[in-house]
PDB file of all heavy atoms in Angstrom:
ATOM      1  N   ILE A   1      17.617 -28.257  33.801  1.00  0.00           N
ATOM      2  CA  ILE A   1      18.942 -28.856  33.654  1.00  0.00           C
ATOM      3  C   ILE A   1      19.890 -27.839  33.026  1.00  0.00           C
ATOM      4  O   ILE A   1      19.596 -27.268  31.978  1.00  0.00           O
ATOM      5  CB  ILE A   1      18.876 -30.131  32.781  1.00  0.00           C
ATOM      6  CG1 ILE A   1      17.870 -31.127  33.376  1.00  0.00           C
ATOM      7  CG2 ILE A   1      20.254 -30.761  32.670  1.00  0.00           C
ATOM      8  CD1 ILE A   1      17.665 -32.350  32.520  1.00  0.00           C
ATOM      9  N   TYR A   2      21.012 -27.611  33.702  1.00  0.00           N
ATOM     10  CA  TYR A   2      22.066 -26.752  33.174  1.00  0.00           C
ATOM     11  C   TYR A   2      23.236 -27.635  32.764  1.00  0.00           C
ATOM     12  O   TYR A   2      23.644 -28.526  33.525  1.00  0.00           O
ATOM     13  CB  TYR A   2      22.563 -25.754  34.228  1.00  0.00           C
ATOM     14  CG  TYR A   2      21.505 -24.795  34.747  1.00  0.00           C
ATOM     15  CD1 TYR A   2      20.665 -25.158  35.789  1.00  0.00           C
ATOM     16  CD2 TYR A   2      21.362 -23.538  34.193  1.00  0.00           C
ATOM     17  CE1 TYR A   2      19.706 -24.287  36.272  1.00  0.00           C
ATOM     18  CE2 TYR A   2      20.405 -22.645  34.670  1.00  0.00           C
ATOM     19  CZ  TYR A   2      19.588 -23.037  35.708  1.00  0.00           C
ATOM     20  OH  TYR A   2      18.638 -22.169  36.183  1.00  0.00           O
ATOM     21  N   GLY A   3      23.781 -27.377  31.582  1.00  0.00           N
ATOM     22  CA  GLY A   3      24.953 -28.114  31.151  1.00  0.00           C
ATOM     23  C   GLY A   3      26.211 -27.573  31.806  1.00  0.00           C
ATOM     24  O   GLY A   3      26.176 -26.684  32.658  1.00  0.00           O
ATOM     25  N   GLU A   4      27.358 -28.107  31.414  1.00  0.00           N
ATOM     26  CA  GLU A   4      28.634 -27.625  31.958  1.00  0.00           C
ATOM     27  C   GLU A   4      28.807 -26.137  31.644  1.00  0.00           C
ATOM     28  O   GLU A   4      28.560 -25.692  30.532  1.00  0.00           O
ATOM     29  CB  GLU A   4      29.791 -28.428  31.348  1.00  0.00           C
ATOM     30  CG  GLU A   4      29.777 -29.899  31.741  1.00  0.00           C
ATOM     31  CD  GLU A   4      30.950 -30.648  31.152  1.00  0.00           C
ATOM     32  OE1 GLU A   4      31.869 -29.971  30.645  1.00  0.00           O
ATOM     33  OE2 GLU A   4      30.960 -31.887  31.183  1.00  0.00           O
ATOM     34  N   ASN A   5      29.228 -25.399  32.653  1.00  0.00           N
ATOM     35  CA  ASN A   5      29.496 -23.964  32.534  1.00  0.00           C
ATOM     36  C   ASN A   5      28.246 -23.133  32.220  1.00  0.00           C
ATOM     37  O   ASN A   5      28.353 -21.976  31.821  1.00  0.00           O
ATOM     38  CB  ASN A   5      30.546 -23.692  31.449  1.00  0.00           C
ATOM     39  CG  ASN A   5      31.856 -24.398  31.718  1.00  0.00           C
ATOM     40  OD1 ASN A   5      32.284 -24.485  32.861  1.00  0.00           O
ATOM     41  ND2 ASN A   5      32.471 -24.923  30.670  1.00  0.00           N
ATOM     42  N   GLU A   6      27.061 -23.710  32.392  1.00  0.00           N
ATOM     43  CA  GLU A   6      25.837 -22.981  32.049  1.00  0.00           C
ATOM     44  C   GLU A   6      25.225 -22.255  33.231  1.00  0.00           C
ATOM     45  O   GLU A   6      24.363 -21.413  33.050  1.00  0.00           O
ATOM     46  CB  GLU A   6      24.790 -23.935  31.441  1.00  0.00           C
ATOM     47  CG  GLU A   6      25.091 -24.333  30.017  1.00  0.00           C
ATOM     48  CD  GLU A   6      23.958 -25.130  29.401  1.00  0.00           C
ATOM     49  OE1 GLU A   6      22.888 -25.230  30.025  1.00  0.00           O
ATOM     50  OE2 GLU A   6      24.151 -25.663  28.295  1.00  0.00           O
ATOM     51  N   THR A   7      25.624 -22.595  34.463  1.00  0.00           N
ATOM     52  CA  THR A   7      25.039 -21.900  35.615  1.00  0.00           C
ATOM     53  C   THR A   7      25.520 -20.454  35.666  1.00  0.00           C
ATOM     54  O   THR A   7      24.813 -19.577  36.171  1.00  0.00           O
ATOM     55  CB  THR A   7      25.411 -22.600  36.935  1.00  0.00           C
ATOM     56  OG1 THR A   7      26.831 -22.590  37.093  1.00  0.00           O
ATOM     57  CG2 THR A   7      24.900 -24.030  36.945  1.00  0.00           C
ATOM     58  N   GLY A   8      26.722 -20.198  35.141  1.00  0.00           N
ATOM     59  CA  GLY A   8      27.236 -18.836  35.121  1.00  0.00           C
ATOM     60  C   GLY A   8      27.606 -18.299  36.487  1.00  0.00           C
ATOM     61  O   GLY A   8      27.769 -17.095  36.671  1.00  0.00           O
ATOM     62  N   VAL A   9      27.737 -19.183  37.493  1.00  0.00           N
ATOM     63  CA  VAL A   9      28.027 -18.762  38.863  1.00  0.00           C
ATOM     64  C   VAL A   9      29.201 -19.570  39.399  1.00  0.00           C
ATOM     65  O   VAL A   9      29.260 -20.794  39.215  1.00  0.00           O
ATOM     66  CB  VAL A   9      26.800 -18.961  39.789  1.00  0.00           C
ATOM     67  CG1 VAL A   9      27.128 -18.511  41.205  1.00  0.00           C
ATOM     68  CG2 VAL A   9      25.606 -18.197  39.260  1.00  0.00           C
ATOM     69  N   THR A  10      30.149 -18.898  40.029  1.00  0.00           N
ATOM     70  CA  THR A  10      31.261 -19.578  40.696  1.00  0.00           C
ATOM     71  C   THR A  10      31.355 -19.060  42.124  1.00  0.00           C
ATOM     72  O   THR A  10      30.581 -18.197  42.543  1.00  0.00           O
ATOM     73  CB  THR A  10      32.589 -19.323  39.959  1.00  0.00           C
ATOM     74  OG1 THR A  10      32.877 -17.920  40.018  1.00  0.00           O
ATOM     75  CG2 THR A  10      32.498 -19.752  38.501  1.00  0.00           C
ATOM     76  N   PHE A  11      32.327 -19.570  42.852  1.00  0.00           N
ATOM     77  CA  PHE A  11      32.505 -19.138  44.239  1.00  0.00           C
ATOM     78  C   PHE A  11      32.864 -17.655  44.335  1.00  0.00           C
ATOM     79  O   PHE A  11      32.649 -17.026  45.375  1.00  0.00           O
ATOM     80  CB  PHE A  11      33.582 -19.974  44.922  1.00  0.00           C
ATOM     81  CG  PHE A  11      33.108 -21.334  45.369  1.00  0.00           C
ATOM     82  CD1 PHE A  11      33.990 -22.395  45.508  1.00  0.00           C
ATOM     83  CD2 PHE A  11      31.767 -21.554  45.650  1.00  0.00           C
ATOM     84  CE1 PHE A  11      33.555 -23.637  45.924  1.00  0.00           C
ATOM     85  CE2 PHE A  11      31.317 -22.787  46.059  1.00  0.00           C
ATOM     86  CZ  PHE A  11      32.205 -23.841  46.189  1.00  0.00           C
ATOM     87  N   ASP A  12      33.416 -17.086  43.267  1.00  0.00           N
ATOM     88  CA  ASP A  12      33.743 -15.653  43.280  1.00  0.00           C
ATOM     89  C   ASP A  12      32.478 -14.801  43.343  1.00  0.00           C
ATOM     90  O   ASP A  12      32.533 -13.636  43.777  1.00  0.00           O
ATOM     91  CB  ASP A  12      34.543 -15.285  42.030  1.00  0.00           C
ATOM     92  CG  ASP A  12      35.927 -15.917  42.032  1.00  0.00           C
ATOM     93  OD1 ASP A  12      36.421 -16.224  43.141  1.00  0.00           O
ATOM     94  OD2 ASP A  12      36.499 -16.114  40.944  1.00  0.00           O
ATOM     95  N   ASP A  13      31.347 -15.347  42.900  1.00  0.00           N
ATOM     96  CA  ASP A  13      30.081 -14.605  42.923  1.00  0.00           C
ATOM     97  C   ASP A  13      29.364 -14.725  44.262  1.00  0.00           C
ATOM     98  O   ASP A  13      28.308 -14.116  44.452  1.00  0.00           O
ATOM     99  CB  ASP A  13      29.151 -15.119  41.808  1.00  0.00           C
ATOM    100  CG  ASP A  13      29.772 -14.956  40.441  1.00  0.00           C
ATOM    101  OD1 ASP A  13      30.176 -13.825  40.121  1.00  0.00           O
ATOM    102  OD2 ASP A  13      29.864 -15.962  39.705  1.00  0.00           O
ATOM    103  N   VAL A  14      29.890 -15.544  45.154  1.00  0.00           N
ATOM    104  CA  VAL A  14      29.279 -15.749  46.469  1.00  0.00           C
ATOM    105  C   VAL A  14      30.179 -15.123  47.519  1.00  0.00           C
ATOM    106  O   VAL A  14      31.341 -15.523  47.672  1.00  0.00           O
ATOM    107  CB  VAL A  14      29.066 -17.245  46.781  1.00  0.00           C
ATOM    108  CG1 VAL A  14      28.369 -17.411  48.121  1.00  0.00           C
ATOM    109  CG2 VAL A  14      28.270 -17.912  45.670  1.00  0.00           C
ATOM    110  N   ALA A  15      29.659 -14.147  48.238  1.00  0.00           N
ATOM    111  CA  ALA A  15      30.448 -13.471  49.268  1.00  0.00           C
ATOM    112  C   ALA A  15      29.753 -13.601  50.619  1.00  0.00           C
ATOM    113  O   ALA A  15      28.547 -13.833  50.696  1.00  0.00           O
ATOM    114  CB  ALA A  15      30.622 -11.991  48.921  1.00  0.00           C
ATOM    115  N   GLY A  16      30.542 -13.465  51.676  1.00  0.00           N
ATOM    116  CA  GLY A  16      29.978 -13.474  53.022  1.00  0.00           C
ATOM    117  C   GLY A  16      29.663 -14.842  53.580  1.00  0.00           C
ATOM    118  O   GLY A  16      29.079 -14.948  54.652  1.00  0.00           O
ATOM    119  N   GLN A  17      30.034 -15.903  52.853  1.00  0.00           N
ATOM    120  CA  GLN A  17      29.766 -17.264  53.322  1.00  0.00           C
ATOM    121  C   GLN A  17      31.032 -18.111  53.167  1.00  0.00           C
ATOM    122  O   GLN A  17      31.024 -19.173  52.540  1.00  0.00           O
ATOM    123  CB  GLN A  17      28.597 -17.889  52.533  1.00  0.00           C
ATOM    124  CG  GLN A  17      27.280 -17.153  52.641  1.00  0.00           C
ATOM    125  CD  GLN A  17      26.700 -17.204  54.044  1.00  0.00           C
ATOM    126  OE1 GLN A  17      27.112 -18.020  54.882  1.00  0.00           O
ATOM    127  NE2 GLN A  17      25.717 -16.360  54.327  1.00  0.00           N
ATOM    128  N   ASP A  18      32.104 -17.650  53.749  1.00  0.00           N
ATOM    129  CA  ASP A  18      33.399 -18.320  53.581  1.00  0.00           C
ATOM    130  C   ASP A  18      33.388 -19.732  54.150  1.00  0.00           C
ATOM    131  O   ASP A  18      33.951 -20.660  53.557  1.00  0.00           O
ATOM    132  CB  ASP A  18      34.500 -17.493  54.248  1.00  0.00           C
ATOM    133  CG  ASP A  18      34.702 -16.148  53.569  1.00  0.00           C
ATOM    134  OD1 ASP A  18      34.338 -16.030  52.383  1.00  0.00           O
ATOM    135  OD2 ASP A  18      35.204 -15.210  54.227  1.00  0.00           O
ATOM    136  N   GLU A  19      32.764 -19.906  55.327  1.00  0.00           N
ATOM    137  CA  GLU A  19      32.745 -21.236  55.949  1.00  0.00           C
ATOM    138  C   GLU A  19      31.945 -22.214  55.105  1.00  0.00           C
ATOM    139  O   GLU A  19      32.331 -23.378  54.935  1.00  0.00           O
ATOM    140  CB  GLU A  19      32.145 -21.156  57.363  1.00  0.00           C
ATOM    141  CG  GLU A  19      32.979 -20.371  58.360  1.00  0.00           C
ATOM    142  CD  GLU A  19      32.798 -18.875  58.216  1.00  0.00           C
ATOM    143  OE1 GLU A  19      31.894 -18.458  57.458  1.00  0.00           O
ATOM    144  OE2 GLU A  19      33.563 -18.117  58.840  1.00  0.00           O
ATOM    145  N   ALA A  20      30.814 -21.770  54.566  1.00  0.00           N
ATOM    146  CA  ALA A  20      29.994 -22.631  53.726  1.00  0.00           C
ATOM    147  C   ALA A  20      30.741 -23.002  52.449  1.00  0.00           C
ATOM    148  O   ALA A  20      30.720 -24.164  52.015  1.00  0.00           O
ATOM    149  CB  ALA A  20      28.671 -21.932  53.390  1.00  0.00           C
ATOM    150  N   LYS A  21      31.440 -22.038  51.853  1.00  0.00           N
ATOM    151  CA  LYS A  21      32.197 -22.335  50.629  1.00  0.00           C
ATOM    152  C   LYS A  21      33.318 -23.333  50.912  1.00  0.00           C
ATOM    153  O   LYS A  21      33.600 -24.207  50.093  1.00  0.00           O
ATOM    154  CB  LYS A  21      32.780 -21.034  50.055  1.00  0.00           C
ATOM    155  CG  LYS A  21      31.733 -20.133  49.427  1.00  0.00           C
ATOM    156  CD  LYS A  21      32.362 -19.045  48.560  1.00  0.00           C
ATOM    157  CE  LYS A  21      33.122 -18.041  49.374  1.00  0.00           C
ATOM    158  NZ  LYS A  21      33.602 -16.913  48.534  1.00  0.00           N
ATOM    159  N   GLU A  22      33.925 -23.198  52.087  1.00  0.00           N
ATOM    160  CA  GLU A  22      35.003 -24.125  52.438  1.00  0.00           C
ATOM    161  C   GLU A  22      34.480 -25.547  52.578  1.00  0.00           C
ATOM    162  O   GLU A  22      35.133 -26.508  52.158  1.00  0.00           O
ATOM    163  CB  GLU A  22      35.660 -23.665  53.744  1.00  0.00           C
ATOM    164  CG  GLU A  22      36.867 -24.474  54.148  1.00  0.00           C
ATOM    165  CD  GLU A  22      37.510 -23.959  55.428  1.00  0.00           C
ATOM    166  OE1 GLU A  22      37.229 -22.802  55.806  1.00  0.00           O
ATOM    167  OE2 GLU A  22      38.279 -24.713  56.046  1.00  0.00           O
ATOM    168  N   SER A  23      33.274 -25.693  53.156  1.00  0.00           N
ATOM    169  CA  SER A  23      32.689 -27.026  53.320  1.00  0.00           C
ATOM    170  C   SER A  23      32.337 -27.649  51.973  1.00  0.00           C
ATOM    171  O   SER A  23      32.471 -28.863  51.783  1.00  0.00           O
ATOM    172  CB  SER A  23      31.429 -26.940  54.190  1.00  0.00           C
ATOM    173  OG  SER A  23      31.736 -26.476  55.485  1.00  0.00           O
ATOM    174  N   LEU A  24      31.895 -26.816  51.042  1.00  0.00           N
ATOM    175  CA  LEU A  24      31.476 -27.331  49.738  1.00  0.00           C
ATOM    176  C   LEU A  24      32.654 -27.486  48.774  1.00  0.00           C
ATOM    177  O   LEU A  24      32.518 -28.161  47.744  1.00  0.00           O
ATOM    178  CB  LEU A  24      30.433 -26.396  49.125  1.00  0.00           C
ATOM    179  CG  LEU A  24      29.104 -26.310  49.888  1.00  0.00           C
ATOM    180  CD1 LEU A  24      28.226 -25.205  49.314  1.00  0.00           C
ATOM    181  CD2 LEU A  24      28.361 -27.636  49.832  1.00  0.00           C
ATOM    182  N   ALA A  25      33.785 -26.860  49.092  1.00  0.00           N
ATOM    183  CA  ALA A  25      34.946 -26.953  48.203  1.00  0.00           C
ATOM    184  C   ALA A  25      35.454 -28.393  48.098  1.00  0.00           C
ATOM    185  O   ALA A  25      35.988 -28.799  47.058  1.00  0.00           O
ATOM    186  CB  ALA A  25      36.067 -26.038  48.694  1.00  0.00           C
ATOM    187  N   GLU A  26      35.293 -29.189  49.166  1.00  0.00           N
ATOM    188  CA  GLU A  26      35.716 -30.596  49.119  1.00  0.00           C
ATOM    189  C   GLU A  26      34.928 -31.372  48.086  1.00  0.00           C
ATOM    190  O   GLU A  26      35.464 -32.235  47.397  1.00  0.00           O
ATOM    191  CB  GLU A  26      35.544 -31.231  50.505  1.00  0.00           C
ATOM    192  CG  GLU A  26      36.485 -30.680  51.555  1.00  0.00           C
ATOM    193  CD  GLU A  26      36.288 -31.362  52.891  1.00  0.00           C
ATOM    194  OE1 GLU A  26      35.634 -32.418  52.924  1.00  0.00           O
ATOM    195  OE2 GLU A  26      36.767 -30.839  53.910  1.00  0.00           O
ATOM    196  N   ILE A  27      33.629 -31.066  47.991  1.00  0.00           N
ATOM    197  CA  ILE A  27      32.802 -31.752  46.987  1.00  0.00           C
ATOM    198  C   ILE A  27      33.283 -31.407  45.583  1.00  0.00           C
ATOM    199  O   ILE A  27      33.377 -32.268  44.700  1.00  0.00           O
ATOM    200  CB  ILE A  27      31.323 -31.358  47.172  1.00  0.00           C
ATOM    201  CG1 ILE A  27      30.821 -31.856  48.529  1.00  0.00           C
ATOM    202  CG2 ILE A  27      30.463 -31.892  46.053  1.00  0.00           C
ATOM    203  CD1 ILE A  27      29.407 -31.429  48.862  1.00  0.00           C
ATOM    204  N   VAL A  28      33.610 -30.137  45.378  1.00  0.00           N
ATOM    205  CA  VAL A  28      34.113 -29.709  44.072  1.00  0.00           C
ATOM    206  C   VAL A  28      35.425 -30.425  43.758  1.00  0.00           C
ATOM    207  O   VAL A  28      35.636 -30.913  42.637  1.00  0.00           O
ATOM    208  CB  VAL A  28      34.314 -28.179  44.049  1.00  0.00           C
ATOM    209  CG1 VAL A  28      34.964 -27.747  42.752  1.00  0.00           C
ATOM    210  CG2 VAL A  28      32.984 -27.469  44.232  1.00  0.00           C
ATOM    211  N   ASP A  29      36.312 -30.507  44.749  1.00  0.00           N
ATOM    212  CA  ASP A  29      37.606 -31.152  44.542  1.00  0.00           C
ATOM    213  C   ASP A  29      37.429 -32.634  44.232  1.00  0.00           C
ATOM    214  O   ASP A  29      38.151 -33.188  43.400  1.00  0.00           O
ATOM    215  CB  ASP A  29      38.480 -30.968  45.786  1.00  0.00           C
ATOM    216  CG  ASP A  29      39.907 -31.443  45.555  1.00  0.00           C
ATOM    217  OD1 ASP A  29      40.495 -31.060  44.531  1.00  0.00           O
ATOM    218  OD2 ASP A  29      40.420 -32.203  46.396  1.00  0.00           O
ATOM    219  N   PHE A  30      36.469 -33.274  44.869  1.00  0.00           N
ATOM    220  CA  PHE A  30      36.228 -34.701  44.597  1.00  0.00           C
ATOM    221  C   PHE A  30      35.750 -34.879  43.158  1.00  0.00           C
ATOM    222  O   PHE A  30      36.186 -35.812  42.466  1.00  0.00           O
ATOM    223  CB  PHE A  30      35.184 -35.250  45.571  1.00  0.00           C
ATOM    224  CG  PHE A  30      35.013 -36.749  45.478  1.00  0.00           C
ATOM    225  CD1 PHE A  30      35.647 -37.590  46.389  1.00  0.00           C
ATOM    226  CD2 PHE A  30      34.236 -37.315  44.487  1.00  0.00           C
ATOM    227  CE1 PHE A  30      35.493 -38.965  46.294  1.00  0.00           C
ATOM    228  CE2 PHE A  30      34.079 -38.685  44.394  1.00  0.00           C
ATOM    229  CZ  PHE A  30      34.718 -39.516  45.296  1.00  0.00           C
ATOM    230  N   LEU A  31      34.866 -34.011  42.702  1.00  0.00           N
ATOM    231  CA  LEU A  31      34.368 -34.129  41.331  1.00  0.00           C
ATOM    232  C   LEU A  31      35.470 -33.851  40.313  1.00  0.00           C
ATOM    233  O   LEU A  31      35.439 -34.385  39.192  1.00  0.00           O
ATOM    234  CB  LEU A  31      33.202 -33.160  41.123  1.00  0.00           C
ATOM    235  CG  LEU A  31      31.924 -33.481  41.920  1.00  0.00           C
ATOM    236  CD1 LEU A  31      30.905 -32.368  41.771  1.00  0.00           C
ATOM    237  CD2 LEU A  31      31.328 -34.802  41.467  1.00  0.00           C
ATOM    238  N   HIS A  32      36.456 -33.013  40.688  1.00  0.00           N
ATOM    239  CA  HIS A  32      37.578 -32.739  39.797  1.00  0.00           C
ATOM    240  C   HIS A  32      38.621 -33.856  39.838  1.00  0.00           C
ATOM    241  O   HIS A  32      39.141 -34.271  38.794  1.00  0.00           O
ATOM    242  CB  HIS A  32      38.249 -31.423  40.180  1.00  0.00           C
ATOM    243  CG  HIS A  32      37.554 -30.218  39.646  1.00  0.00           C
ATOM    244  ND1 HIS A  32      37.745 -28.948  40.148  1.00  0.00           N
ATOM    245  CD2 HIS A  32      36.640 -30.081  38.654  1.00  0.00           C
ATOM    246  CE1 HIS A  32      36.996 -28.083  39.476  1.00  0.00           C
ATOM    247  NE2 HIS A  32      36.318 -28.750  38.581  1.00  0.00           N
ATOM    248  N   ASN A  33      38.930 -34.313  41.049  1.00  0.00           N
ATOM    249  CA  ASN A  33      40.011 -35.296  41.232  1.00  0.00           C
ATOM    250  C   ASN A  33      39.524 -36.465  42.079  1.00  0.00           C
ATOM    251  O   ASN A  33      39.913 -36.605  43.250  1.00  0.00           O
ATOM    252  CB  ASN A  33      41.212 -34.625  41.908  1.00  0.00           C
ATOM    253  CG  ASN A  33      41.650 -33.355  41.206  1.00  0.00           C
ATOM    254  OD1 ASN A  33      42.082 -33.394  40.061  1.00  0.00           O
ATOM    255  ND2 ASN A  33      41.539 -32.222  41.894  1.00  0.00           N
ATOM    256  N   PRO A  34      38.654 -37.306  41.543  1.00  0.00           N
ATOM    257  CA  PRO A  34      38.113 -38.418  42.353  1.00  0.00           C
ATOM    258  C   PRO A  34      39.156 -39.491  42.676  1.00  0.00           C
ATOM    259  O   PRO A  34      39.019 -40.198  43.673  1.00  0.00           O
ATOM    260  CB  PRO A  34      36.999 -38.982  41.471  1.00  0.00           C
ATOM    261  CG  PRO A  34      37.386 -38.609  40.079  1.00  0.00           C
ATOM    262  CD  PRO A  34      38.107 -37.301  40.176  1.00  0.00           C
ATOM    263  N   ASP A  35      40.207 -39.593  41.854  1.00  0.00           N
ATOM    264  CA  ASP A  35      41.157 -40.701  42.019  1.00  0.00           C
ATOM    265  C   ASP A  35      41.872 -40.656  43.362  1.00  0.00           C
ATOM    266  O   ASP A  35      42.060 -41.690  44.017  1.00  0.00           O
ATOM    267  CB  ASP A  35      42.188 -40.683  40.885  1.00  0.00           C
ATOM    268  CG  ASP A  35      41.551 -40.950  39.537  1.00  0.00           C
ATOM    269  OD1 ASP A  35      40.452 -41.560  39.533  1.00  0.00           O
ATOM    270  OD2 ASP A  35      42.129 -40.556  38.502  1.00  0.00           O
TER     271      ASP A  35
END
């Protein structure tokens, strides 16, 4: 189990998978702004 900010990895650390990041960005946005 990693707490908030404990994974130490963001999308800036992932390269070469732009389409995959775009698909997963919606999930991130939902967790940030569910309303």
